[in-house]
Amino acid sequence: MELSKFEVRTGLWPHMHFTDIEYDQRGSSYEIYATDVTHQTKSKLFICRTVDEQQARLLAEQFRIWLPKINSKKRKAAAKKSPTGYNRIACHKG
């Protein structure tokens, strides 16, 4: 998987902050997930499926390298939209 495809996949949920990558065995294959544990529940986003554990481990390592880069881009984009981190609301007298 390319970085751009990984970025699109995780970007489909802009309010989620994915903090880790994990993989689980499902039958004879392995599934890789991005996880968000910033709220009281753990959220998992399916990324891809592999045929063996070695491939899952290697992809998970690569995704862990990419994840901070993607999170940084998200923070910078959010800061450009709202420099204070909050949505600005205009107050008018009237």
N, C-alpha and C. Protein backbone atom coordinates (compact mmCIF):
# COMPACT_ATOMS: atom_id res chain seq x y z
N MET A 1 0.84 -1.17 0.00
CA MET A 1 0.00 0.00 0.00
C MET A 1 0.89 1.24 0.00
N GLU A 2 0.50 2.23 -0.78
CA GLU A 2 1.25 3.48 -0.86
C GLU A 2 0.80 4.43 0.25
N LEU A 3 1.68 5.37 0.59
CA LEU A 3 1.38 6.36 1.62
C LEU A 3 0.10 7.13 1.30
N SER A 4 -0.08 7.52 0.05
CA SER A 4 -1.27 8.30 -0.32
C SER A 4 -2.56 7.51 -0.09
N LYS A 5 -2.54 6.23 -0.39
CA LYS A 5 -3.72 5.39 -0.18
C LYS A 5 -3.99 5.22 1.31
N PHE A 6 -2.93 5.04 2.09
CA PHE A 6 -3.06 4.92 3.55
C PHE A 6 -3.61 6.22 4.13
N GLU A 7 -3.15 7.34 3.62
CA GLU A 7 -3.61 8.65 4.09
C GLU A 7 -5.10 8.85 3.77
N VAL A 8 -5.51 8.46 2.58
CA VAL A 8 -6.92 8.57 2.21
C VAL A 8 -7.77 7.70 3.11
N ARG A 9 -7.34 6.49 3.34
CA ARG A 9 -8.10 5.55 4.17
C ARG A 9 -8.31 6.11 5.59
N THR A 10 -7.23 6.57 6.22
CA THR A 10 -7.36 7.10 7.58
C THR A 10 -8.04 8.46 7.59
N GLY A 11 -7.99 9.19 6.47
CA GLY A 11 -8.62 10.50 6.40
C GLY A 11 -10.12 10.47 6.23
N LEU A 12 -10.69 9.31 5.98
CA LEU A 12 -12.14 9.21 5.83
C LEU A 12 -12.87 9.49 7.13
N TRP A 13 -12.16 9.42 8.24
CA TRP A 13 -12.73 9.70 9.56
C TRP A 13 -11.92 10.83 10.19
N PRO A 14 -12.20 12.09 9.81
CA PRO A 14 -11.37 13.21 10.24
C PRO A 14 -11.41 13.48 11.75
N HIS A 15 -12.45 13.05 12.43
CA HIS A 15 -12.54 13.30 13.86
C HIS A 15 -11.85 12.23 14.69
N MET A 16 -11.33 11.23 14.04
CA MET A 16 -10.61 10.17 14.76
C MET A 16 -9.13 10.50 14.73
N HIS A 17 -8.46 10.16 15.81
CA HIS A 17 -7.02 10.38 15.91
C HIS A 17 -6.36 9.01 16.10
N PHE A 18 -5.93 8.41 15.01
CA PHE A 18 -5.35 7.08 15.07
C PHE A 18 -3.96 7.17 15.70
N THR A 19 -3.75 6.35 16.72
CA THR A 19 -2.52 6.44 17.52
C THR A 19 -1.62 5.22 17.40
N ASP A 20 -2.13 4.13 16.84
CA ASP A 20 -1.31 2.92 16.75
C ASP A 20 -1.81 2.05 15.60
N ILE A 21 -0.99 1.09 15.26
CA ILE A 21 -1.31 0.09 14.24
C ILE A 21 -1.18 -1.27 14.90
N GLU A 22 -2.14 -2.14 14.65
CA GLU A 22 -2.05 -3.50 15.18
C GLU A 22 -2.57 -4.48 14.14
N TYR A 23 -2.19 -5.73 14.32
CA TYR A 23 -2.71 -6.76 13.42
C TYR A 23 -3.19 -7.96 14.24
N ASP A 24 -4.20 -8.63 13.70
CA ASP A 24 -4.82 -9.78 14.36
C ASP A 24 -4.96 -10.91 13.35
N GLN A 25 -4.82 -12.13 13.83
CA GLN A 25 -5.03 -13.29 12.96
C GLN A 25 -6.52 -13.55 12.87
N ARG A 26 -6.99 -13.74 11.65
CA ARG A 26 -8.39 -14.08 11.37
C ARG A 26 -8.37 -15.29 10.45
N GLY A 27 -8.58 -16.46 11.01
CA GLY A 27 -8.51 -17.67 10.21
C GLY A 27 -7.10 -17.90 9.73
N SER A 28 -6.92 -18.01 8.43
CA SER A 28 -5.58 -18.25 7.88
C SER A 28 -4.90 -16.96 7.42
N SER A 29 -5.55 -15.81 7.61
CA SER A 29 -4.95 -14.54 7.20
C SER A 29 -4.80 -13.60 8.39
N TYR A 30 -4.20 -12.44 8.15
CA TYR A 30 -3.99 -11.42 9.18
C TYR A 30 -4.61 -10.12 8.70
N GLU A 31 -5.28 -9.42 9.62
CA GLU A 31 -5.89 -8.14 9.30
C GLU A 31 -5.16 -7.04 10.06
N ILE A 32 -4.90 -5.94 9.37
CA ILE A 32 -4.19 -4.81 9.96
C ILE A 32 -5.19 -3.68 10.20
N TYR A 33 -5.09 -3.07 11.39
CA TYR A 33 -6.00 -2.01 11.80
C TYR A 33 -5.23 -0.80 12.31
N ALA A 34 -5.76 0.39 12.04
CA ALA A 34 -5.32 1.61 12.72
C ALA A 34 -6.25 1.76 13.92
N THR A 35 -5.68 2.10 15.08
CA THR A 35 -6.50 2.20 16.29
C THR A 35 -6.51 3.62 16.84
N ASP A 36 -7.63 3.97 17.45
CA ASP A 36 -7.81 5.26 18.11
C ASP A 36 -8.27 4.97 19.53
N VAL A 37 -7.45 5.35 20.49
CA VAL A 37 -7.80 5.13 21.90
C VAL A 37 -7.89 6.46 22.65
N THR A 38 -8.21 7.53 21.93
CA THR A 38 -8.27 8.84 22.56
C THR A 38 -9.57 9.08 23.31
N HIS A 39 -10.56 8.28 23.09
CA HIS A 39 -11.83 8.40 23.80
C HIS A 39 -11.96 7.22 24.75
N GLN A 40 -13.10 7.08 25.39
CA GLN A 40 -13.26 6.01 26.37
C GLN A 40 -13.37 4.63 25.72
N THR A 41 -13.61 4.59 24.44
CA THR A 41 -13.67 3.31 23.75
C THR A 41 -12.53 3.22 22.74
N LYS A 42 -12.19 2.01 22.39
CA LYS A 42 -11.13 1.78 21.41
C LYS A 42 -11.79 1.60 20.04
N SER A 43 -11.38 2.41 19.09
CA SER A 43 -11.91 2.32 17.73
C SER A 43 -10.84 1.72 16.83
N LYS A 44 -11.28 0.86 15.91
CA LYS A 44 -10.35 0.22 14.99
C LYS A 44 -10.83 0.42 13.56
N LEU A 45 -9.91 0.83 12.69
CA LEU A 45 -10.20 1.00 11.27
C LEU A 45 -9.44 -0.06 10.49
N PHE A 46 -10.17 -0.89 9.76
CA PHE A 46 -9.54 -1.92 8.94
C PHE A 46 -8.74 -1.26 7.83
N ILE A 47 -7.46 -1.68 7.71
CA ILE A 47 -6.59 -1.13 6.67
C ILE A 47 -6.41 -2.12 5.53
N CYS A 48 -5.99 -3.35 5.85
CA CYS A 48 -5.79 -4.34 4.79
C CYS A 48 -5.66 -5.74 5.40
N ARG A 49 -5.56 -6.73 4.52
CA ARG A 49 -5.43 -8.13 4.93
C ARG A 49 -4.17 -8.70 4.27
N THR A 50 -3.46 -9.56 5.00
CA THR A 50 -2.26 -10.21 4.46
C THR A 50 -2.40 -11.72 4.61
N VAL A 51 -1.54 -12.44 3.91
CA VAL A 51 -1.63 -13.90 3.94
C VAL A 51 -0.77 -14.53 5.03
N ASP A 52 0.23 -13.80 5.54
CA ASP A 52 1.06 -14.38 6.60
C ASP A 52 1.48 -13.32 7.62
N GLU A 53 1.95 -13.80 8.76
CA GLU A 53 2.29 -12.89 9.86
C GLU A 53 3.49 -12.01 9.53
N GLN A 54 4.47 -12.54 8.81
CA GLN A 54 5.65 -11.74 8.47
C GLN A 54 5.25 -10.51 7.64
N GLN A 55 4.40 -10.72 6.65
CA GLN A 55 3.95 -9.60 5.83
C GLN A 55 3.14 -8.60 6.68
N ALA A 56 2.30 -9.11 7.57
CA ALA A 56 1.51 -8.24 8.45
C ALA A 56 2.43 -7.42 9.34
N ARG A 57 3.46 -8.04 9.89
CA ARG A 57 4.40 -7.34 10.77
C ARG A 57 5.14 -6.24 10.01
N LEU A 58 5.60 -6.56 8.80
CA LEU A 58 6.33 -5.57 7.99
C LEU A 58 5.44 -4.39 7.60
N LEU A 59 4.22 -4.68 7.18
CA LEU A 59 3.30 -3.59 6.83
C LEU A 59 2.94 -2.75 8.05
N ALA A 60 2.71 -3.41 9.18
CA ALA A 60 2.38 -2.68 10.41
C ALA A 60 3.53 -1.74 10.79
N GLU A 61 4.76 -2.20 10.65
CA GLU A 61 5.92 -1.34 10.94
C GLU A 61 5.93 -0.13 10.02
N GLN A 62 5.67 -0.34 8.73
CA GLN A 62 5.65 0.77 7.78
C GLN A 62 4.53 1.75 8.12
N PHE A 63 3.34 1.23 8.44
CA PHE A 63 2.21 2.10 8.77
C PHE A 63 2.49 2.89 10.05
N ARG A 64 3.20 2.30 11.01
CA ARG A 64 3.56 3.02 12.24
C ARG A 64 4.50 4.19 11.95
N ILE A 65 5.31 4.07 10.92
CA ILE A 65 6.19 5.17 10.51
C ILE A 65 5.36 6.28 9.85
N TRP A 66 4.39 5.89 9.04
CA TRP A 66 3.58 6.86 8.32
C TRP A 66 2.58 7.58 9.22
N LEU A 67 2.06 6.91 10.23
CA LEU A 67 0.98 7.45 11.05
C LEU A 67 1.31 8.81 11.67
N PRO A 68 2.47 9.01 12.29
CA PRO A 68 2.78 10.34 12.84
C PRO A 68 2.84 11.43 11.76
N LYS A 69 3.31 11.08 10.57
CA LYS A 69 3.37 12.05 9.48
C LYS A 69 1.96 12.49 9.08
N ILE A 70 1.05 11.53 8.99
CA ILE A 70 -0.33 11.83 8.62
C ILE A 70 -1.00 12.65 9.72
N ASN A 71 -0.78 12.28 10.97
CA ASN A 71 -1.36 13.04 12.08
C ASN A 71 -0.84 14.47 12.10
N SER A 72 0.43 14.65 11.80
CA SER A 72 1.02 15.99 11.75
C SER A 72 0.37 16.83 10.65
N LYS A 73 0.17 16.23 9.48
CA LYS A 73 -0.50 16.93 8.38
C LYS A 73 -1.91 17.34 8.76
N LYS A 74 -2.63 16.44 9.45
CA LYS A 74 -4.00 16.74 9.89
C LYS A 74 -4.00 17.92 10.85
N ARG A 75 -3.07 17.92 11.81
CA ARG A 75 -3.00 19.02 12.79
C ARG A 75 -2.70 20.34 12.10
N LYS A 76 -1.77 20.33 11.15
CA LYS A 76 -1.42 21.56 10.43
C LYS A 76 -2.60 22.07 9.61
N ALA A 77 -3.31 21.17 8.97
CA ALA A 77 -4.48 21.57 8.18
C ALA A 77 -5.57 22.13 9.08
N ALA A 78 -5.77 21.53 10.24
CA ALA A 78 -6.78 22.02 11.19
C ALA A 78 -6.37 23.38 11.74
N ALA A 79 -5.09 23.58 11.98
CA ALA A 79 -4.61 24.86 12.51
C ALA A 79 -4.79 25.98 11.49
N LYS A 80 -4.64 25.67 10.21
CA LYS A 80 -4.84 26.68 9.17
C LYS A 80 -6.30 27.12 9.11
N LYS A 81 -7.20 26.17 9.31
CA LYS A 81 -8.63 26.49 9.29
C LYS A 81 -9.02 27.33 10.49
N SER A 82 -8.45 27.02 11.63
CA SER A 82 -8.80 27.70 12.87
C SER A 82 -7.55 27.84 13.73
N PRO A 83 -6.87 28.98 13.67
CA PRO A 83 -5.60 29.15 14.38
C PRO A 83 -5.67 28.89 15.88
N THR A 84 -6.82 29.10 16.50
CA THR A 84 -6.92 28.88 17.94
C THR A 84 -7.25 27.44 18.28
N GLY A 85 -7.57 26.66 17.28
CA GLY A 85 -7.99 25.28 17.53
C GLY A 85 -9.50 25.17 17.72
N TYR A 86 -10.19 26.30 17.70
CA TYR A 86 -11.64 26.32 17.86
C TYR A 86 -12.25 26.95 16.63
N ASN A 87 -13.47 26.57 16.33
CA ASN A 87 -14.18 27.22 15.23
C ASN A 87 -14.56 28.63 15.67
N ARG A 88 -14.30 29.59 14.83
CA ARG A 88 -14.63 30.98 15.18
C ARG A 88 -16.07 31.27 14.82
N ILE A 89 -16.73 31.96 15.73
CA ILE A 89 -18.11 32.35 15.51
C ILE A 89 -18.16 33.87 15.58
N ALA A 90 -18.70 34.50 14.57
CA ALA A 90 -18.80 35.95 14.55
C ALA A 90 -19.92 36.40 15.48
N CYS A 91 -19.63 37.39 16.29
CA CYS A 91 -20.63 37.97 17.19
C CYS A 91 -20.97 39.36 16.68
N HIS A 92 -22.22 39.61 16.44
CA HIS A 92 -22.66 40.91 15.92
C HIS A 92 -23.57 41.57 16.93
N LYS A 93 -23.41 42.87 17.08
CA LYS A 93 -24.33 43.64 17.91
C LYS A 93 -25.56 43.91 17.08
N GLY A 94 -26.66 43.84 17.70
CA GLY A 94 -27.80 44.17 16.89
C GLY A 94 -29.07 43.88 17.45
